[in-house]
Amino acid sequence: MIDTRSATLELVSNALIELRFKPDVKLDVEGMTEIVLAKRRMGGRGMGLLAILPPELDFDLNVLTVDHHAANGGCGTVERIAFATQNSFNERLATIYFRYHPRPHPTGIFVSEADARKWLETKLLEPAAS
């Protein structure tokens, strides 16, 4: 487990990292950099990431303008990402963010954690592209 000031990352299996953004913490660009660098230190090839936002996410608008994947050298071992946004507003923000900053790997955005987890588990069963 890695604890950053903005999130907690946990290696829950040899194929899955769970990233839980902390409630009551304002997410900023530096916090996202810490998260991306922490992701890179976890796991082996073909990892999936389940990112869970708090329902009341507070963030600096600059977070939406930076391609954190490109700015920090990629996601390391993560090849699939599922976002559980917890509400429709966060879902719209995530959709807009990934429209402007697409990832080279499958990315799913869902309101519920259960739907995000189900999609990610299905994707984890598929062979990763080389």
C-alpha atoms as a PDB file:
ATOM      1  CA  MET A   1       0.000   0.000   0.000  1.00  0.00           C
ATOM      2  CA  ILE A   2       1.188   3.504  -0.835  1.00  0.00           C
ATOM      3  CA  ASP A   3      -0.361   6.522   0.842  1.00  0.00           C
ATOM      4  CA  THR A   4       0.007   9.907  -0.856  1.00  0.00           C
ATOM      5  CA  ARG A   5      -1.446  13.172   0.362  1.00  0.00           C
ATOM      6  CA  SER A   6      -4.311  12.877  -2.191  1.00  0.00           C
ATOM      7  CA  ALA A   7      -4.973   9.136  -2.448  1.00  0.00           C
ATOM      8  CA  THR A   8      -4.256   5.643  -1.223  1.00  0.00           C
ATOM      9  CA  LEU A   9      -3.059   2.993  -3.669  1.00  0.00           C
ATOM     10  CA  GLU A  10      -3.302  -0.675  -2.796  1.00  0.00           C
ATOM     11  CA  LEU A  11      -2.096  -3.707  -4.702  1.00  0.00           C
ATOM     12  CA  VAL A  12      -5.117  -5.964  -4.118  1.00  0.00           C
ATOM     13  CA  SER A  13      -4.005  -8.782  -6.432  1.00  0.00           C
ATOM     14  CA  ASN A  14      -1.279  -9.563  -8.934  1.00  0.00           C
ATOM     15  CA  ALA A  15      -3.490  -7.943 -11.586  1.00  0.00           C
ATOM     16  CA  LEU A  16      -5.246  -5.044  -9.817  1.00  0.00           C
ATOM     17  CA  ILE A  17      -4.373  -1.775  -8.118  1.00  0.00           C
ATOM     18  CA  GLU A  18      -7.125   0.100  -6.279  1.00  0.00           C
ATOM     19  CA  LEU A  19      -6.713   3.859  -6.112  1.00  0.00           C
ATOM     20  CA  ARG A  20      -8.961   5.671  -3.657  1.00  0.00           C
ATOM     21  CA  PHE A  21      -8.902   9.444  -3.792  1.00  0.00           C
ATOM     22  CA  LYS A  22      -9.170  10.903  -0.306  1.00  0.00           C
ATOM     23  CA  PRO A  23     -12.295  12.840   0.611  1.00  0.00           C
ATOM     24  CA  ASP A  24     -11.837  16.329   2.043  1.00  0.00           C
ATOM     25  CA  VAL A  25      -8.501  16.763   0.221  1.00  0.00           C
ATOM     26  CA  LYS A  26      -8.236  19.274  -2.609  1.00  0.00           C
ATOM     27  CA  LEU A  27      -6.663  17.475  -5.564  1.00  0.00           C
ATOM     28  CA  ASP A  28      -3.998  19.481  -7.379  1.00  0.00           C
ATOM     29  CA  VAL A  29      -1.418  18.862 -10.109  1.00  0.00           C
ATOM     30  CA  GLU A  30       1.311  18.004  -7.590  1.00  0.00           C
ATOM     31  CA  GLY A  31      -1.019  15.496  -5.935  1.00  0.00           C
ATOM     32  CA  MET A  32      -1.751  13.849  -9.288  1.00  0.00           C
ATOM     33  CA  THR A  33       1.992  13.646  -9.977  1.00  0.00           C
ATOM     34  CA  GLU A  34       2.479  11.813  -6.665  1.00  0.00           C
ATOM     35  CA  ILE A  35      -0.305   9.386  -7.599  1.00  0.00           C
ATOM     36  CA  VAL A  36       1.072   8.634 -11.076  1.00  0.00           C
ATOM     37  CA  LEU A  37       4.568   8.053  -9.701  1.00  0.00           C
ATOM     38  CA  ALA A  38       3.166   5.766  -6.989  1.00  0.00           C
ATOM     39  CA  LYS A  39       1.251   3.745  -9.623  1.00  0.00           C
ATOM     40  CA  ARG A  40       4.480   3.205 -11.520  1.00  0.00           C
ATOM     41  CA  ARG A  41       6.093   1.582  -8.455  1.00  0.00           C
ATOM     42  CA  MET A  42       3.380  -1.075  -8.097  1.00  0.00           C
ATOM     43  CA  GLY A  43       2.901  -4.442  -9.764  1.00  0.00           C
ATOM     44  CA  GLY A  44       3.897  -6.238 -12.947  1.00  0.00           C
ATOM     45  CA  ARG A  45       2.837  -6.017 -16.588  1.00  0.00           C
ATOM     46  CA  GLY A  46      -0.803  -6.018 -17.572  1.00  0.00           C
ATOM     47  CA  MET A  47      -2.141  -4.441 -14.377  1.00  0.00           C
ATOM     48  CA  GLY A  48      -5.620  -2.985 -14.102  1.00  0.00           C
ATOM     49  CA  LEU A  49      -6.407   0.120 -12.072  1.00  0.00           C
ATOM     50  CA  LEU A  50      -9.690   0.794 -10.311  1.00  0.00           C
ATOM     51  CA  ALA A  51      -9.795   4.513  -9.464  1.00  0.00           C
ATOM     52  CA  ILE A  52     -12.528   5.528  -7.020  1.00  0.00           C
ATOM     53  CA  LEU A  53     -13.404   9.192  -6.649  1.00  0.00           C
ATOM     54  CA  PRO A  54     -15.175  10.526  -3.566  1.00  0.00           C
ATOM     55  CA  PRO A  55     -18.680  11.828  -4.327  1.00  0.00           C
ATOM     56  CA  GLU A  56     -17.651  15.367  -3.367  1.00  0.00           C
ATOM     57  CA  LEU A  57     -14.292  15.644  -5.139  1.00  0.00           C
ATOM     58  CA  ASP A  58     -12.610  19.024  -4.658  1.00  0.00           C
ATOM     59  CA  PHE A  59      -9.894  19.874  -7.181  1.00  0.00           C
ATOM     60  CA  ASP A  60      -7.900  22.684  -8.752  1.00  0.00           C
ATOM     61  CA  LEU A  61      -9.070  23.336 -12.314  1.00  0.00           C
ATOM     62  CA  ASN A  62      -5.454  22.940 -13.470  1.00  0.00           C
ATOM     63  CA  VAL A  63      -5.822  19.197 -12.825  1.00  0.00           C
ATOM     64  CA  LEU A  64      -8.050  19.022 -15.915  1.00  0.00           C
ATOM     65  CA  THR A  65      -5.595  20.852 -18.180  1.00  0.00           C
ATOM     66  CA  VAL A  66      -2.594  18.548 -17.678  1.00  0.00           C
ATOM     67  CA  ASP A  67      -2.105  15.197 -19.379  1.00  0.00           C
ATOM     68  CA  HIS A  68      -0.789  13.491 -16.240  1.00  0.00           C
ATOM     69  CA  HIS A  69       0.011  10.303 -18.149  1.00  0.00           C
ATOM     70  CA  ALA A  70       2.282  12.115 -20.632  1.00  0.00           C
ATOM     71  CA  ALA A  71       3.718  14.573 -18.107  1.00  0.00           C
ATOM     72  CA  ASN A  72       4.863  11.817 -15.752  1.00  0.00           C
ATOM     73  CA  GLY A  73       6.140   9.169 -18.142  1.00  0.00           C
ATOM     74  CA  GLY A  74       3.054   6.984 -18.366  1.00  0.00           C
ATOM     75  CA  CYS A  75       1.272   4.658 -15.994  1.00  0.00           C
ATOM     76  CA  GLY A  76       4.018   2.085 -15.711  1.00  0.00           C
ATOM     77  CA  THR A  77       2.452  -1.354 -15.486  1.00  0.00           C
ATOM     78  CA  VAL A  78      -1.167  -0.171 -15.733  1.00  0.00           C
ATOM     79  CA  GLU A  79      -2.784  -1.196 -19.025  1.00  0.00           C
ATOM     80  CA  ARG A  80      -6.486  -0.785 -18.161  1.00  0.00           C
ATOM     81  CA  ILE A  81      -8.219   1.875 -16.074  1.00  0.00           C
ATOM     82  CA  ALA A  82     -11.763   1.926 -14.701  1.00  0.00           C
ATOM     83  CA  PHE A  83     -13.018   5.072 -12.973  1.00  0.00           C
ATOM     84  CA  ALA A  84     -15.828   4.929 -10.432  1.00  0.00           C
ATOM     85  CA  THR A  85     -16.981   8.540 -10.310  1.00  0.00           C
ATOM     86  CA  GLN A  86     -19.747   8.195  -7.669  1.00  0.00           C
ATOM     87  CA  ASN A  87     -21.981  10.801  -9.334  1.00  0.00           C
ATOM     88  CA  SER A  88     -22.954  12.134 -12.753  1.00  0.00           C
ATOM     89  CA  PHE A  89     -21.031  15.414 -12.368  1.00  0.00           C
ATOM     90  CA  ASN A  90     -17.732  13.590 -11.750  1.00  0.00           C
ATOM     91  CA  GLU A  91     -18.622  11.235 -14.617  1.00  0.00           C
ATOM     92  CA  ARG A  92     -18.990  14.193 -17.004  1.00  0.00           C
ATOM     93  CA  LEU A  93     -15.693  15.717 -15.824  1.00  0.00           C
ATOM     94  CA  ALA A  94     -13.833  12.417 -16.291  1.00  0.00           C
ATOM     95  CA  THR A  95     -15.367  11.955 -19.746  1.00  0.00           C
ATOM     96  CA  ILE A  96     -14.267  15.447 -20.775  1.00  0.00           C
ATOM     97  CA  TYR A  97     -10.793  14.927 -19.316  1.00  0.00           C
ATOM     98  CA  PHE A  98     -10.186  11.675 -21.203  1.00  0.00           C
ATOM     99  CA  ARG A  99     -11.611  13.141 -24.415  1.00  0.00           C
ATOM    100  CA  TYR A 100      -8.823  15.739 -24.315  1.00  0.00           C
ATOM    101  CA  HIS A 101      -6.201  13.417 -22.810  1.00  0.00           C
ATOM    102  CA  PRO A 102      -6.897   9.915 -24.175  1.00  0.00           C
ATOM    103  CA  ARG A 103      -4.917   6.973 -22.896  1.00  0.00           C
ATOM    104  CA  PRO A 104      -3.190   4.385 -25.095  1.00  0.00           C
ATOM    105  CA  HIS A 105      -5.017   1.645 -23.161  1.00  0.00           C
ATOM    106  CA  PRO A 106      -8.697   0.874 -22.467  1.00  0.00           C
ATOM    107  CA  THR A 107     -10.323   3.347 -20.092  1.00  0.00           C
ATOM    108  CA  GLY A 108     -13.838   2.980 -18.698  1.00  0.00           C
ATOM    109  CA  ILE A 109     -15.808   5.622 -16.814  1.00  0.00           C
ATOM    110  CA  PHE A 110     -18.719   4.568 -14.598  1.00  0.00           C
ATOM    111  CA  VAL A 111     -20.825   6.136 -11.873  1.00  0.00           C
ATOM    112  CA  SER A 112     -20.880   3.032  -9.673  1.00  0.00           C
ATOM    113  CA  GLU A 113     -17.900   1.196  -8.251  1.00  0.00           C
ATOM    114  CA  ALA A 114     -19.641  -2.128  -8.947  1.00  0.00           C
ATOM    115  CA  ASP A 115     -19.973  -1.340 -12.674  1.00  0.00           C
ATOM    116  CA  ALA A 116     -16.367  -0.128 -12.890  1.00  0.00           C
ATOM    117  CA  ARG A 117     -15.119  -3.250 -11.128  1.00  0.00           C
ATOM    118  CA  LYS A 118     -17.202  -5.552 -13.368  1.00  0.00           C
ATOM    119  CA  TRP A 119     -15.901  -3.878 -16.568  1.00  0.00           C
ATOM    120  CA  LEU A 120     -12.330  -3.986 -15.322  1.00  0.00           C
ATOM    121  CA  GLU A 121     -12.557  -7.661 -14.340  1.00  0.00           C
ATOM    122  CA  THR A 122     -13.890  -8.437 -17.827  1.00  0.00           C
ATOM    123  CA  LYS A 123     -11.049  -6.450 -19.402  1.00  0.00           C
ATOM    124  CA  LEU A 124      -8.496  -8.182 -17.176  1.00  0.00           C
ATOM    125  CA  LEU A 125      -9.585 -11.516 -18.628  1.00  0.00           C
ATOM    126  CA  GLU A 126      -8.762 -10.323 -22.149  1.00  0.00           C
ATOM    127  CA  PRO A 127      -5.112 -10.574 -23.251  1.00  0.00           C
ATOM    128  CA  ALA A 128      -3.308  -7.234 -23.214  1.00  0.00           C
ATOM    129  CA  ALA A 129      -2.148  -5.846 -26.539  1.00  0.00           C
ATOM    130  CA  SER A 130       1.603  -6.078 -27.085  1.00  0.00           C
END
